[in-house]
Amino acid sequence: MKKLSLKKKEEIAKEWVKNHGAASFDLEKRDIILHDGGLFVIEAKKIKLRKIIGYKRYPNRISEVLFSKKKIISSVEYTAVIWFEELDETIAYFKNMKRMLNKLGYNTGKKRKGGRN
C-alpha cells in the first residue's frame, strides 16, 4: 500500500464523517473526537461536597473523618450514557471507524509510546 499524504488522509476522514457522522478526527494528534448527542449523551450533574476538616482517632486504631456541616465544595460530574438498544450499532460504528483508520495506515491496536499527560 502506498503512503498517503496528510491532506489525502484528511479528505478520506472528512468523507467518512460525512457518511457516518457523530465524530471528527485530528489526524496530527491521532485523536478521535466524539460529539455529544451522536453516539451517546453527555450529562453534567452539579454536585456539592463537604470539606474535610480533620480526623478523630480512637484508641482501637480506628479513625473517623470529620466533615464540615455546610456543603461548600461545588463541582460538575460528567457522565456518558449509551442506551442498551444502541450498543450493537455503536460497536459496528467503531469497527467501521477502525477499518477506515487502518486503511489510512494508523495502527489502532497498539498502545501509544509515552502516553498522554
PDB file of N, CA and C in Angstrom:
ATOM      1  N   MET A   1       0.842  -1.179   0.000  1.00  0.00           N
ATOM      2  CA  MET A   1       0.000   0.000   0.000  1.00  0.00           C
ATOM      3  C   MET A   1       0.881   1.235   0.000  1.00  0.00           C
ATOM      4  N   LYS A   2       0.584   2.161  -0.877  1.00  0.00           N
ATOM      5  CA  LYS A   2       1.398   3.365  -0.940  1.00  0.00           C
ATOM      6  C   LYS A   2       1.058   4.308   0.210  1.00  0.00           C
ATOM      7  N   LYS A   3       2.005   5.150   0.555  1.00  0.00           N
ATOM      8  CA  LYS A   3       1.839   6.064   1.667  1.00  0.00           C
ATOM      9  C   LYS A   3       1.014   7.273   1.228  1.00  0.00           C
ATOM     10  N   LEU A   4       0.000   7.616   2.016  1.00  0.00           N
ATOM     11  CA  LEU A   4      -0.868   8.743   1.702  1.00  0.00           C
ATOM     12  C   LEU A   4      -0.388  10.003   2.407  1.00  0.00           C
ATOM     13  N   SER A   5      -0.575  11.150   1.771  1.00  0.00           N
ATOM     14  CA  SER A   5      -0.224  12.417   2.407  1.00  0.00           C
ATOM     15  C   SER A   5      -1.273  12.742   3.471  1.00  0.00           C
ATOM     16  N   LEU A   6      -0.915  13.615   4.398  1.00  0.00           N
ATOM     17  CA  LEU A   6      -1.837  14.005   5.466  1.00  0.00           C
ATOM     18  C   LEU A   6      -3.084  14.650   4.875  1.00  0.00           C
ATOM     19  N   LYS A   7      -2.914  15.437   3.829  1.00  0.00           N
ATOM     20  CA  LYS A   7      -4.050  16.100   3.197  1.00  0.00           C
ATOM     21  C   LYS A   7      -5.025  15.067   2.623  1.00  0.00           C
ATOM     22  N   LYS A   8      -4.506  14.047   1.965  1.00  0.00           N
ATOM     23  CA  LYS A   8      -5.349  12.996   1.391  1.00  0.00           C
ATOM     24  C   LYS A   8      -6.044  12.210   2.505  1.00  0.00           C
ATOM     25  N   LYS A   9      -5.319  11.934   3.596  1.00  0.00           N
ATOM     26  CA  LYS A   9      -5.915  11.236   4.735  1.00  0.00           C
ATOM     27  C   LYS A   9      -7.066  12.052   5.324  1.00  0.00           C
ATOM     28  N   GLU A  10      -6.859  13.379   5.437  1.00  0.00           N
ATOM     29  CA  GLU A  10      -7.900  14.246   5.970  1.00  0.00           C
ATOM     30  C   GLU A  10      -9.129  14.250   5.066  1.00  0.00           C
ATOM     31  N   GLU A  11      -8.918  14.228   3.748  1.00  0.00           N
ATOM     32  CA  GLU A  11     -10.043  14.172   2.808  1.00  0.00           C
ATOM     33  C   GLU A  11     -10.833  12.878   2.989  1.00  0.00           C
ATOM     34  N   ILE A  12     -10.143  11.767   3.140  1.00  0.00           N
ATOM     35  CA  ILE A  12     -10.808  10.477   3.336  1.00  0.00           C
ATOM     36  C   ILE A  12     -11.570  10.469   4.668  1.00  0.00           C
ATOM     37  N   ALA A  13     -10.954  11.009   5.719  1.00  0.00           N
ATOM     38  CA  ALA A  13     -11.609  11.071   7.027  1.00  0.00           C
ATOM     39  C   ALA A  13     -12.846  11.970   6.966  1.00  0.00           C
ATOM     40  N   LYS A  14     -12.760  13.103   6.263  1.00  0.00           N
ATOM     41  CA  LYS A  14     -13.914  14.001   6.125  1.00  0.00           C
ATOM     42  C   LYS A  14     -15.047  13.312   5.387  1.00  0.00           C
ATOM     43  N   GLU A  15     -14.727  12.546   4.376  1.00  0.00           N
ATOM     44  CA  GLU A  15     -15.744  11.809   3.625  1.00  0.00           C
ATOM     45  C   GLU A  15     -16.396  10.760   4.522  1.00  0.00           C
ATOM     46  N   TRP A  16     -15.598  10.095   5.350  1.00  0.00           N
ATOM     47  CA  TRP A  16     -16.137   9.106   6.280  1.00  0.00           C
ATOM     48  C   TRP A  16     -17.095   9.783   7.259  1.00  0.00           C
ATOM     49  N   VAL A  17     -16.693  10.938   7.800  1.00  0.00           N
ATOM     50  CA  VAL A  17     -17.549  11.669   8.748  1.00  0.00           C
ATOM     51  C   VAL A  17     -18.836  12.106   8.061  1.00  0.00           C
ATOM     52  N   LYS A  18     -18.717  12.538   6.815  1.00  0.00           N
ATOM     53  CA  LYS A  18     -19.905  12.953   6.053  1.00  0.00           C
ATOM     54  C   LYS A  18     -20.904  11.799   5.935  1.00  0.00           C
ATOM     55  N   ASN A  19     -20.407  10.586   5.751  1.00  0.00           N
ATOM     56  CA  ASN A  19     -21.273   9.420   5.601  1.00  0.00           C
ATOM     57  C   ASN A  19     -21.736   8.826   6.930  1.00  0.00           C
ATOM     58  N   HIS A  20     -20.954   8.975   7.987  1.00  0.00           N
ATOM     59  CA  HIS A  20     -21.255   8.309   9.251  1.00  0.00           C
ATOM     60  C   HIS A  20     -21.589   9.272  10.389  1.00  0.00           C
ATOM     61  N   GLY A  21     -21.057  10.496  10.367  1.00  0.00           N
ATOM     62  CA  GLY A  21     -21.333  11.489  11.409  1.00  0.00           C
ATOM     63  C   GLY A  21     -20.812  11.113  12.784  1.00  0.00           C
ATOM     64  N   ALA A  22     -21.240  11.895  13.789  1.00  0.00           N
ATOM     65  CA  ALA A  22     -21.014  11.651  15.218  1.00  0.00           C
ATOM     66  C   ALA A  22     -19.577  11.780  15.702  1.00  0.00           C
ATOM     67  N   ALA A  23     -18.620  12.047  14.821  1.00  0.00           N
ATOM     68  CA  ALA A  23     -17.224  12.148  15.252  1.00  0.00           C
ATOM     69  C   ALA A  23     -16.459  13.074  14.323  1.00  0.00           C
ATOM     70  N   SER A  24     -15.293  13.462  14.766  1.00  0.00           N
ATOM     71  CA  SER A  24     -14.334  14.146  13.901  1.00  0.00           C
ATOM     72  C   SER A  24     -12.950  13.644  14.303  1.00  0.00           C
ATOM     73  N   PHE A  25     -11.974  13.943  13.466  1.00  0.00           N
ATOM     74  CA  PHE A  25     -10.636  13.404  13.672  1.00  0.00           C
ATOM     75  C   PHE A  25      -9.598  14.513  13.647  1.00  0.00           C
ATOM     76  N   ASP A  26      -8.616  14.409  14.530  1.00  0.00           N
ATOM     77  CA  ASP A  26      -7.414  15.227  14.476  1.00  0.00           C
ATOM     78  C   ASP A  26      -6.293  14.239  14.163  1.00  0.00           C
ATOM     79  N   LEU A  27      -5.972  14.122  12.889  1.00  0.00           N
ATOM     80  CA  LEU A  27      -5.028  13.097  12.453  1.00  0.00           C
ATOM     81  C   LEU A  27      -3.596  13.391  12.900  1.00  0.00           C
ATOM     82  N   GLU A  28      -3.256  14.667  13.049  1.00  0.00           N
ATOM     83  CA  GLU A  28      -1.898  15.005  13.515  1.00  0.00           C
ATOM     84  C   GLU A  28      -1.679  14.559  14.952  1.00  0.00           C
ATOM     85  N   LYS A  29      -2.672  14.791  15.808  1.00  0.00           N
ATOM     86  CA  LYS A  29      -2.572  14.382  17.217  1.00  0.00           C
ATOM     87  C   LYS A  29      -3.015  12.935  17.424  1.00  0.00           C
ATOM     88  N   ARG A  30      -3.598  12.349  16.365  1.00  0.00           N
ATOM     89  CA  ARG A  30      -4.113  10.982  16.412  1.00  0.00           C
ATOM     90  C   ARG A  30      -5.255  10.860  17.418  1.00  0.00           C
ATOM     91  N   ASP A  31      -6.181  11.845  17.355  1.00  0.00           N
ATOM     92  CA  ASP A  31      -7.323  11.892  18.258  1.00  0.00           C
ATOM     93  C   ASP A  31      -8.626  11.671  17.504  1.00  0.00           C
ATOM     94  N   ILE A  32      -9.544  10.984  18.156  1.00  0.00           N
ATOM     95  CA  ILE A  32     -10.917  10.847  17.693  1.00  0.00           C
ATOM     96  C   ILE A  32     -11.759  11.695  18.638  1.00  0.00           C
ATOM     97  N   ILE A  33     -12.524  12.626  18.094  1.00  0.00           N
ATOM     98  CA  ILE A  33     -13.376  13.492  18.909  1.00  0.00           C
ATOM     99  C   ILE A  33     -14.811  13.040  18.723  1.00  0.00           C
ATOM    100  N   LEU A  34     -15.429  12.553  19.800  1.00  0.00           N
ATOM    101  CA  LEU A  34     -16.824  12.113  19.768  1.00  0.00           C
ATOM    102  C   LEU A  34     -17.684  13.241  20.314  1.00  0.00           C
ATOM    103  N   HIS A  35     -18.717  13.593  19.586  1.00  0.00           N
ATOM    104  CA  HIS A  35     -19.545  14.738  19.944  1.00  0.00           C
ATOM    105  C   HIS A  35     -20.786  14.307  20.720  1.00  0.00           C
ATOM    106  N   ASP A  36     -21.204  15.156  21.633  1.00  0.00           N
ATOM    107  CA  ASP A  36     -22.395  14.918  22.447  1.00  0.00           C
ATOM    108  C   ASP A  36     -23.616  14.763  21.545  1.00  0.00           C
ATOM    109  N   GLY A  37     -24.415  13.747  21.811  1.00  0.00           N
ATOM    110  CA  GLY A  37     -25.636  13.534  21.054  1.00  0.00           C
ATOM    111  C   GLY A  37     -25.460  12.657  19.830  1.00  0.00           C
ATOM    112  N   GLY A  38     -24.232  12.298  19.488  1.00  0.00           N
ATOM    113  CA  GLY A  38     -24.002  11.448  18.331  1.00  0.00           C
ATOM    114  C   GLY A  38     -24.232   9.992  18.666  1.00  0.00           C
ATOM    115  N   LEU A  39     -23.296   9.406  19.369  1.00  0.00           N
ATOM    116  CA  LEU A  39     -23.406   8.002  19.770  1.00  0.00           C
ATOM    117  C   LEU A  39     -23.982   7.853  21.172  1.00  0.00           C
ATOM    118  N   PHE A  40     -23.861   8.898  21.950  1.00  0.00           N
ATOM    119  CA  PHE A  40     -24.300   8.861  23.331  1.00  0.00           C
ATOM    120  C   PHE A  40     -24.575  10.281  23.788  1.00  0.00           C
ATOM    121  N   VAL A  41     -25.084  10.403  24.994  1.00  0.00           N
ATOM    122  CA  VAL A  41     -25.384  11.704  25.572  1.00  0.00           C
ATOM    123  C   VAL A  41     -24.413  11.947  26.722  1.00  0.00           C
ATOM    124  N   ILE A  42     -23.880  13.149  26.799  1.00  0.00           N
ATOM    125  CA  ILE A  42     -23.033  13.521  27.933  1.00  0.00           C
ATOM    126  C   ILE A  42     -23.892  14.346  28.882  1.00  0.00           C
ATOM    127  N   GLU A  43     -24.029  13.852  30.097  1.00  0.00           N
ATOM    128  CA  GLU A  43     -24.830  14.537  31.105  1.00  0.00           C
ATOM    129  C   GLU A  43     -23.917  15.183  32.133  1.00  0.00           C
ATOM    130  N   ALA A  44     -24.227  16.409  32.481  1.00  0.00           N
ATOM    131  CA  ALA A  44     -23.469  17.120  33.508  1.00  0.00           C
ATOM    132  C   ALA A  44     -24.369  17.259  34.732  1.00  0.00           C
ATOM    133  N   LYS A  45     -23.826  16.889  35.873  1.00  0.00           N
ATOM    134  CA  LYS A  45     -24.594  16.986  37.109  1.00  0.00           C
ATOM    135  C   LYS A  45     -23.747  17.741  38.123  1.00  0.00           C
ATOM    136  N   LYS A  46     -24.314  18.824  38.660  1.00  0.00           N
ATOM    137  CA  LYS A  46     -23.598  19.578  39.692  1.00  0.00           C
ATOM    138  C   LYS A  46     -23.707  18.823  41.007  1.00  0.00           C
ATOM    139  N   ILE A  47     -22.576  18.703  41.673  1.00  0.00           N
ATOM    140  CA  ILE A  47     -22.573  18.038  42.978  1.00  0.00           C
ATOM    141  C   ILE A  47     -21.935  18.966  44.001  1.00  0.00           C
ATOM    142  N   LYS A  48     -22.435  18.895  45.210  1.00  0.00           N
ATOM    143  CA  LYS A  48     -21.857  19.672  46.296  1.00  0.00           C
ATOM    144  C   LYS A  48     -21.270  18.703  47.302  1.00  0.00           C
ATOM    145  N   LEU A  49     -20.076  18.991  47.716  1.00  0.00           N
ATOM    146  CA  LEU A  49     -19.366  18.124  48.640  1.00  0.00           C
ATOM    147  C   LEU A  49     -19.089  18.859  49.941  1.00  0.00           C
ATOM    148  N   ARG A  50     -18.836  18.106  50.945  1.00  0.00           N
ATOM    149  CA  ARG A  50     -18.449  18.691  52.236  1.00  0.00           C
ATOM    150  C   ARG A  50     -16.924  18.679  52.344  1.00  0.00           C
ATOM    151  N   LYS A  51     -16.396  19.698  52.942  1.00  0.00           N
ATOM    152  CA  LYS A  51     -14.953  19.832  53.125  1.00  0.00           C
ATOM    153  C   LYS A  51     -14.504  18.998  54.327  1.00  0.00           C
ATOM    154  N   ILE A  52     -13.381  18.307  54.171  1.00  0.00           N
ATOM    155  CA  ILE A  52     -12.804  17.544  55.290  1.00  0.00           C
ATOM    156  C   ILE A  52     -12.112  18.540  56.206  1.00  0.00           C
ATOM    157  N   ILE A  53     -12.514  18.517  57.487  1.00  0.00           N
ATOM    158  CA  ILE A  53     -11.914  19.464  58.435  1.00  0.00           C
ATOM    159  C   ILE A  53     -10.961  18.794  59.420  1.00  0.00           C
ATOM    160  N   GLY A  54     -10.906  17.486  59.399  1.00  0.00           N
ATOM    161  CA  GLY A  54      -9.965  16.817  60.288  1.00  0.00           C
ATOM    162  C   GLY A  54     -10.293  15.347  60.471  1.00  0.00           C
ATOM    163  N   TYR A  55      -9.568  14.754  61.427  1.00  0.00           N
ATOM    164  CA  TYR A  55      -9.732  13.336  61.717  1.00  0.00           C
ATOM    165  C   TYR A  55      -9.818  13.164  63.224  1.00  0.00           C
ATOM    166  N   LYS A  56     -10.576  12.204  63.676  1.00  0.00           N
ATOM    167  CA  LYS A  56     -10.657  11.885  65.098  1.00  0.00           C
ATOM    168  C   LYS A  56     -10.152  10.459  65.258  1.00  0.00           C
ATOM    169  N   ARG A  57      -9.139  10.287  66.081  1.00  0.00           N
ATOM    170  CA  ARG A  57      -8.535   8.968  66.267  1.00  0.00           C
ATOM    171  C   ARG A  57      -9.066   8.352  67.569  1.00  0.00           C
ATOM    172  N   TYR A  58      -9.335   7.068  67.485  1.00  0.00           N
ATOM    173  CA  TYR A  58      -9.827   6.317  68.637  1.00  0.00           C
ATOM    174  C   TYR A  58      -8.732   5.364  69.109  1.00  0.00           C
ATOM    175  N   PRO A  59      -8.787   4.919  70.360  1.00  0.00           N
ATOM    176  CA  PRO A  59      -7.737   4.061  70.910  1.00  0.00           C
ATOM    177  C   PRO A  59      -7.574   2.724  70.180  1.00  0.00           C
ATOM    178  N   ASN A  60      -8.613   2.201  69.576  1.00  0.00           N
ATOM    179  CA  ASN A  60      -8.514   0.899  68.921  1.00  0.00           C
ATOM    180  C   ASN A  60      -8.010   1.023  67.476  1.00  0.00           C
ATOM    181  N   ARG A  61      -7.267   2.068  67.187  1.00  0.00           N
ATOM    182  CA  ARG A  61      -6.611   2.318  65.898  1.00  0.00           C
ATOM    183  C   ARG A  61      -7.591   2.591  64.759  1.00  0.00           C
ATOM    184  N   ILE A  62      -8.807   2.974  65.086  1.00  0.00           N
ATOM    185  CA  ILE A  62      -9.782   3.371  64.076  1.00  0.00           C
ATOM    186  C   ILE A  62      -9.832   4.884  64.080  1.00  0.00           C
ATOM    187  N   SER A  63      -9.962   5.464  62.899  1.00  0.00           N
ATOM    188  CA  SER A  63     -10.095   6.912  62.834  1.00  0.00           C
ATOM    189  C   SER A  63     -11.360   7.276  62.076  1.00  0.00           C
ATOM    190  N   GLU A  64     -11.888   8.439  62.397  1.00  0.00           N
ATOM    191  CA  GLU A  64     -13.110   8.932  61.778  1.00  0.00           C
ATOM    192  C   GLU A  64     -12.785  10.225  61.045  1.00  0.00           C
ATOM    193  N   VAL A  65     -13.325  10.370  59.847  1.00  0.00           N
ATOM    194  CA  VAL A  65     -13.127  11.589  59.072  1.00  0.00           C
ATOM    195  C   VAL A  65     -14.197  12.579  59.490  1.00  0.00           C
ATOM    196  N   LEU A  66     -13.777  13.813  59.784  1.00  0.00           N
ATOM    197  CA  LEU A  66     -14.714  14.855  60.189  1.00  0.00           C
ATOM    198  C   LEU A  66     -14.951  15.802  59.011  1.00  0.00           C
ATOM    199  N   PHE A  67     -16.229  16.007  58.671  1.00  0.00           N
ATOM    200  CA  PHE A  67     -16.607  16.879  57.568  1.00  0.00           C
ATOM    201  C   PHE A  67     -17.241  18.154  58.103  1.00  0.00           C
ATOM    202  N   SER A  68     -17.185  19.219  57.304  1.00  0.00           N
ATOM    203  CA  SER A  68     -17.853  20.461  57.686  1.00  0.00           C
ATOM    204  C   SER A  68     -19.359  20.254  57.609  1.00  0.00           C
ATOM    205  N   LYS A  69     -20.110  21.096  58.287  1.00  0.00           N
ATOM    206  CA  LYS A  69     -21.569  20.959  58.288  1.00  0.00           C
ATOM    207  C   LYS A  69     -22.178  21.510  57.006  1.00  0.00           C
ATOM    208  N   LYS A  70     -21.485  22.452  56.364  1.00  0.00           N
ATOM    209  CA  LYS A  70     -22.008  23.052  55.134  1.00  0.00           C
ATOM    210  C   LYS A  70     -21.402  22.368  53.911  1.00  0.00           C
ATOM    211  N   LYS A  71     -22.215  22.245  52.883  1.00  0.00           N
ATOM    212  CA  LYS A  71     -21.715  21.743  51.602  1.00  0.00           C
ATOM    213  C   LYS A  71     -21.111  22.944  50.875  1.00  0.00           C
ATOM    214  N   ILE A  72     -19.786  22.967  50.784  1.00  0.00           N
ATOM    215  CA  ILE A  72     -19.155  24.160  50.227  1.00  0.00           C
ATOM    216  C   ILE A  72     -18.400  23.926  48.923  1.00  0.00           C
ATOM    217  N   ILE A  73     -17.913  22.742  48.712  1.00  0.00           N
ATOM    218  CA  ILE A  73     -17.142  22.490  47.505  1.00  0.00           C
ATOM    219  C   ILE A  73     -18.130  22.072  46.423  1.00  0.00           C
ATOM    220  N   SER A  74     -18.167  22.824  45.353  1.00  0.00           N
ATOM    221  CA  SER A  74     -19.091  22.519  44.270  1.00  0.00           C
ATOM    222  C   SER A  74     -18.299  22.138  43.035  1.00  0.00           C
ATOM    223  N   SER A  75     -18.722  21.093  42.374  1.00  0.00           N
ATOM    224  CA  SER A  75     -18.058  20.691  41.147  1.00  0.00           C
ATOM    225  C   SER A  75     -19.090  20.100  40.192  1.00  0.00           C
ATOM    226  N   VAL A  76     -18.635  19.795  38.999  1.00  0.00           N
ATOM    227  CA  VAL A  76     -19.515  19.214  37.998  1.00  0.00           C
ATOM    228  C   VAL A  76     -18.988  17.831  37.657  1.00  0.00           C
ATOM    229  N   GLU A  77     -19.888  16.868  37.623  1.00  0.00           N
ATOM    230  CA  GLU A  77     -19.530  15.496  37.279  1.00  0.00           C
ATOM    231  C   GLU A  77     -20.141  15.182  35.918  1.00  0.00           C
ATOM    232  N   TYR A  78     -19.330  14.695  34.989  1.00  0.00           N
ATOM    233  CA  TYR A  78     -19.802  14.376  33.650  1.00  0.00           C
ATOM    234  C   TYR A  78     -19.899  12.871  33.484  1.00  0.00           C
ATOM    235  N   THR A  79     -20.980  12.422  32.876  1.00  0.00           N
ATOM    236  CA  THR A  79     -21.137  11.011  32.575  1.00  0.00           C
ATOM    237  C   THR A  79     -21.608  10.855  31.131  1.00  0.00           C
ATOM    238  N   ALA A  80     -21.177   9.785  30.492  1.00  0.00           N
ATOM    239  CA  ALA A  80     -21.632   9.461  29.140  1.00  0.00           C
ATOM    240  C   ALA A  80     -22.636   8.318  29.251  1.00  0.00           C
ATOM    241  N   VAL A  81     -23.760   8.461  28.591  1.00  0.00           N
ATOM    242  CA  VAL A  81     -24.820   7.469  28.648  1.00  0.00           C
ATOM    243  C   VAL A  81     -24.998   6.851  27.264  1.00  0.00           C
ATOM    244  N   ILE A  82     -24.902   5.528  27.194  1.00  0.00           N
ATOM    245  CA  ILE A  82     -25.165   4.779  25.971  1.00  0.00           C
ATOM    246  C   ILE A  82     -26.365   3.886  26.258  1.00  0.00           C
ATOM    247  N   TRP A  83     -27.311   3.885  25.347  1.00  0.00           N
ATOM    248  CA  TRP A  83     -28.520   3.103  25.539  1.00  0.00           C
ATOM    249  C   TRP A  83     -28.271   1.642  25.183  1.00  0.00           C
ATOM    250  N   PHE A  84     -28.876   0.728  25.936  1.00  0.00           N
ATOM    251  CA  PHE A  84     -28.737  -0.714  25.679  1.00  0.00           C
ATOM    252  C   PHE A  84     -29.096  -1.050  24.238  1.00  0.00           C
ATOM    253  N   GLU A  85     -30.189  -0.461  23.758  1.00  0.00           N
ATOM    254  CA  GLU A  85     -30.697  -0.779  22.428  1.00  0.00           C
ATOM    255  C   GLU A  85     -29.755  -0.319  21.312  1.00  0.00           C
ATOM    256  N   GLU A  86     -28.855   0.595  21.608  1.00  0.00           N
ATOM    257  CA  GLU A  86     -27.940   1.136  20.604  1.00  0.00           C
ATOM    258  C   GLU A  86     -26.550   0.493  20.656  1.00  0.00           C
ATOM    259  N   LEU A  87     -26.328  -0.424  21.586  1.00  0.00           N
ATOM    260  CA  LEU A  87     -24.983  -0.970  21.794  1.00  0.00           C
ATOM    261  C   LEU A  87     -24.425  -1.670  20.557  1.00  0.00           C
ATOM    262  N   ASP A  88     -25.195  -2.548  19.925  1.00  0.00           N
ATOM    263  CA  ASP A  88     -24.698  -3.264  18.745  1.00  0.00           C
ATOM    264  C   ASP A  88     -24.368  -2.301  17.609  1.00  0.00           C
ATOM    265  N   GLU A  89     -25.219  -1.305  17.417  1.00  0.00           N
ATOM    266  CA  GLU A  89     -24.991  -0.312  16.365  1.00  0.00           C
ATOM    267  C   GLU A  89     -23.734   0.514  16.664  1.00  0.00           C
ATOM    268  N   THR A  90     -23.518   0.833  17.933  1.00  0.00           N
ATOM    269  CA  THR A  90     -22.332   1.604  18.333  1.00  0.00           C
ATOM    270  C   THR A  90     -21.061   0.790  18.108  1.00  0.00           C
ATOM    271  N   ILE A  91     -21.102  -0.497  18.428  1.00  0.00           N
ATOM    272  CA  ILE A  91     -19.947  -1.368  18.204  1.00  0.00           C
ATOM    273  C   ILE A  91     -19.642  -1.457  16.714  1.00  0.00           C
ATOM    274  N   ALA A  92     -20.671  -1.604  15.884  1.00  0.00           N
ATOM    275  CA  ALA A  92     -20.480  -1.661  14.429  1.00  0.00           C
ATOM    276  C   ALA A  92     -19.883  -0.349  13.913  1.00  0.00           C
ATOM    277  N   TYR A  93     -20.325   0.772  14.480  1.00  0.00           N
ATOM    278  CA  TYR A  93     -19.803   2.094  14.109  1.00  0.00           C
ATOM    279  C   TYR A  93     -18.297   2.161  14.387  1.00  0.00           C
ATOM    280  N   PHE A  94     -17.889   1.731  15.580  1.00  0.00           N
ATOM    281  CA  PHE A  94     -16.470   1.765  15.939  1.00  0.00           C
ATOM    282  C   PHE A  94     -15.646   0.798  15.092  1.00  0.00           C
ATOM    283  N   LYS A  95     -16.200  -0.358  14.748  1.00  0.00           N
ATOM    284  CA  LYS A  95     -15.481  -1.294  13.878  1.00  0.00           C
ATOM    285  C   LYS A  95     -15.277  -0.685  12.496  1.00  0.00           C
ATOM    286  N   ASN A  96     -16.295   0.021  11.989  1.00  0.00           N
ATOM    287  CA  ASN A  96     -16.183   0.684  10.701  1.00  0.00           C
ATOM    288  C   ASN A  96     -15.123   1.787  10.770  1.00  0.00           C
ATOM    289  N   MET A  97     -15.108   2.535  11.880  1.00  0.00           N
ATOM    290  CA  MET A  97     -14.107   3.589  12.081  1.00  0.00           C
ATOM    291  C   MET A  97     -12.706   2.972  12.120  1.00  0.00           C
ATOM    292  N   LYS A  98     -12.572   1.856  12.801  1.00  0.00           N
ATOM    293  CA  LYS A  98     -11.282   1.161  12.894  1.00  0.00           C
ATOM    294  C   LYS A  98     -10.779   0.754  11.512  1.00  0.00           C
ATOM    295  N   ARG A  99     -11.677   0.196  10.674  1.00  0.00           N
ATOM    296  CA  ARG A  99     -11.292  -0.192   9.312  1.00  0.00           C
ATOM    297  C   ARG A  99     -10.785   1.006   8.521  1.00  0.00           C
ATOM    298  N   MET A 100     -11.485   2.139   8.629  1.00  0.00           N
ATOM    299  CA  MET A 100     -11.077   3.344   7.906  1.00  0.00           C
ATOM    300  C   MET A 100      -9.703   3.820   8.376  1.00  0.00           C
ATOM    301  N   LEU A 101      -9.495   3.866   9.694  1.00  0.00           N
ATOM    302  CA  LEU A 101      -8.204   4.324  10.229  1.00  0.00           C
ATOM    303  C   LEU A 101      -7.076   3.365   9.861  1.00  0.00           C
ATOM    304  N   ASN A 102      -7.350   2.066   9.886  1.00  0.00           N
ATOM    305  CA  ASN A 102      -6.336   1.079   9.487  1.00  0.00           C
ATOM    306  C   ASN A 102      -5.957   1.243   8.025  1.00  0.00           C
ATOM    307  N   LYS A 103      -6.946   1.518   7.157  1.00  0.00           N
ATOM    308  CA  LYS A 103      -6.671   1.732   5.738  1.00  0.00           C
ATOM    309  C   LYS A 103      -5.825   2.986   5.509  1.00  0.00           C
ATOM    310  N   LEU A 104      -5.961   3.963   6.424  1.00  0.00           N
ATOM    311  CA  LEU A 104      -5.146   5.182   6.324  1.00  0.00           C
ATOM    312  C   LEU A 104      -3.737   4.975   6.874  1.00  0.00           C
ATOM    313  N   GLY A 105      -3.482   3.805   7.455  1.00  0.00           N
ATOM    314  CA  GLY A 105      -2.144   3.499   7.951  1.00  0.00           C
ATOM    315  C   GLY A 105      -1.959   3.662   9.444  1.00  0.00           C
ATOM    316  N   TYR A 106      -3.041   3.888  10.173  1.00  0.00           N
ATOM    317  CA  TYR A 106      -2.951   4.039  11.624  1.00  0.00           C
ATOM    318  C   TYR A 106      -3.181   2.687  12.283  1.00  0.00           C
ATOM    319  N   ASN A 107      -2.333   2.341  13.239  1.00  0.00           N
ATOM    320  CA  ASN A 107      -2.468   1.085  13.976  1.00  0.00           C
ATOM    321  C   ASN A 107      -3.348   1.355  15.196  1.00  0.00           C
ATOM    322  N   THR A 108      -4.558   0.856  15.172  1.00  0.00           N
ATOM    323  CA  THR A 108      -5.496   1.107  16.266  1.00  0.00           C
ATOM    324  C   THR A 108      -5.376   0.102  17.402  1.00  0.00           C
ATOM    325  N   GLY A 109      -4.569  -0.919  17.236  1.00  0.00           N
ATOM    326  CA  GLY A 109      -4.457  -1.946  18.255  1.00  0.00           C
ATOM    327  C   GLY A 109      -3.190  -1.848  19.067  1.00  0.00           C
ATOM    328  N   LYS A 110      -2.465  -0.753  18.963  1.00  0.00           N
ATOM    329  CA  LYS A 110      -1.188  -0.615  19.641  1.00  0.00           C
ATOM    330  C   LYS A 110      -1.232   0.546  20.614  1.00  0.00           C
ATOM    331  N   LYS A 111      -0.631   0.355  21.779  1.00  0.00           N
ATOM    332  CA  LYS A 111      -0.567   1.446  22.749  1.00  0.00           C
ATOM    333  C   LYS A 111       0.393   2.520  22.257  1.00  0.00           C
ATOM    334  N   ARG A 112       0.057   3.762  22.593  1.00  0.00           N
ATOM    335  CA  ARG A 112       0.888   4.900  22.217  1.00  0.00           C
ATOM    336  C   ARG A 112       2.117   4.954  23.120  1.00  0.00           C
ATOM    337  N   LYS A 113       3.277   5.154  22.523  1.00  0.00           N
ATOM    338  CA  LYS A 113       4.505   5.269  23.302  1.00  0.00           C
ATOM    339  C   LYS A 113       4.519   6.608  24.023  1.00  0.00           C
ATOM    340  N   GLY A 114       4.884   6.594  25.286  1.00  0.00           N
ATOM    341  CA  GLY A 114       4.986   7.829  26.054  1.00  0.00           C
ATOM    342  C   GLY A 114       3.677   8.268  26.676  1.00  0.00           C
ATOM    343  N   GLY A 115       2.559   7.851  26.129  1.00  0.00           N
ATOM    344  CA  GLY A 115       1.250   8.221  26.690  1.00  0.00           C
ATOM    345  C   GLY A 115       0.979   9.704  26.581  1.00  0.00           C
ATOM    346  N   ARG A 116      -0.138  10.088  27.143  1.00  0.00           N
ATOM    347  CA  ARG A 116      -0.542  11.488  27.146  1.00  0.00           C
ATOM    348  C   ARG A 116      -0.751  11.914  28.575  1.00  0.00           C
ATOM    349  N   ASN A 117      -0.246  13.078  28.924  1.00  0.00           N
ATOM    350  CA  ASN A 117      -0.382  13.548  30.304  1.00  0.00           C
ATOM    351  C   ASN A 117      -1.595  14.377  30.490  1.00  0.00           C
TER     352      ASN A 117
END
